[in-house]
Amino acid sequence: MNRRPQLTIVAPSASPEEAAAVVAALEQFMRETSPTPAPAGERVGRWTRSALLEGVRDAPAAWGDADPWGR
């Protein structure tokens, strides 16, 4: 998705070359002063994400000494 605004100049006295120069300068300014993208987070596999959302653990060893079934 393009979130950049579409720049246009509405000035009856400006020549097409002058308007283009102003728009180019504004676009360059926006490129140079834009925030850096956030670093990508650690990627989690689909099965792992599904298990995490369901609250499932991967093995009895992950439960430590507690038996999840109360035995």
Protein backbone atom coordinates (compact mmCIF):
# COMPACT_ATOMS: atom_id res chain seq x y z
CA MET A 1 0.00 0.00 0.00
CA ASN A 2 1.36 3.39 -0.97
CA ARG A 3 0.85 5.80 1.94
CA ARG A 4 2.73 8.69 0.40
CA PRO A 5 0.62 11.70 -0.51
CA GLN A 6 0.24 12.60 -4.15
CA LEU A 7 1.91 16.00 -4.51
CA THR A 8 0.63 18.59 -6.93
CA ILE A 9 1.20 22.34 -7.17
CA VAL A 10 -1.67 24.68 -7.81
CA ALA A 11 -0.03 27.94 -8.79
CA PRO A 12 -1.27 29.67 -11.94
CA SER A 13 1.94 31.69 -12.34
CA ALA A 14 4.37 28.75 -12.10
CA SER A 15 5.67 27.19 -15.27
CA PRO A 16 5.43 23.39 -15.60
CA GLU A 17 9.21 23.18 -15.11
CA GLU A 18 9.06 25.23 -11.90
CA ALA A 19 6.19 23.16 -10.52
CA ALA A 20 8.03 19.94 -11.35
CA ALA A 21 11.17 21.21 -9.61
CA VAL A 22 9.23 22.09 -6.45
CA VAL A 23 7.48 18.71 -6.40
CA ALA A 24 10.80 16.90 -6.96
CA ALA A 25 12.40 18.83 -4.08
CA LEU A 26 9.49 17.97 -1.78
CA GLU A 27 9.65 14.28 -2.72
CA GLN A 28 13.40 14.21 -2.09
CA PHE A 29 12.87 15.88 1.29
CA MET A 30 10.22 13.32 2.24
CA ARG A 31 12.52 10.43 1.22
CA GLU A 32 15.48 11.80 3.19
CA THR A 33 13.52 12.59 6.36
CA SER A 34 11.27 9.53 6.50
CA PRO A 35 11.61 7.31 9.59
CA THR A 36 13.58 4.10 9.24
CA PRO A 37 11.47 0.94 9.05
CA ALA A 38 11.10 -1.05 12.24
CA PRO A 39 13.20 -4.22 12.35
CA ALA A 40 11.33 -7.38 11.48
CA GLY A 41 10.43 -9.48 14.48
CA GLU A 42 11.46 -13.08 14.92
CA ARG A 43 9.43 -15.23 12.60
CA VAL A 44 7.35 -17.94 14.25
CA GLY A 45 6.18 -20.98 12.33
CA ARG A 46 2.46 -21.51 11.69
CA TRP A 47 2.27 -24.62 13.90
CA THR A 48 4.14 -22.94 16.75
CA ARG A 49 1.93 -19.86 16.53
CA SER A 50 -1.19 -22.01 16.52
CA ALA A 51 0.04 -23.95 19.57
CA LEU A 52 0.89 -20.73 21.40
CA LEU A 53 -2.54 -19.30 20.67
CA GLU A 54 -4.18 -22.48 21.95
CA GLY A 55 -1.94 -22.63 25.02
CA VAL A 56 -0.47 -26.01 24.08
CA ARG A 57 2.96 -27.10 25.30
CA ASP A 58 5.28 -29.12 23.09
CA ALA A 59 6.28 -32.01 25.41
CA PRO A 60 5.84 -33.31 28.96
CA ALA A 61 9.44 -32.25 29.68
CA ALA A 62 8.30 -28.66 29.28
CA TRP A 63 5.93 -29.11 32.25
CA GLY A 64 8.76 -29.86 34.67
CA ASP A 65 7.77 -31.92 37.69
CA ALA A 66 4.07 -31.14 37.50
CA ASP A 67 1.92 -33.66 35.71
CA PRO A 68 -0.71 -31.75 33.73
CA TRP A 69 -3.26 -34.53 34.34
CA GLY A 70 -2.81 -34.49 38.12
CA ARG A 71 -1.21 -37.97 38.36
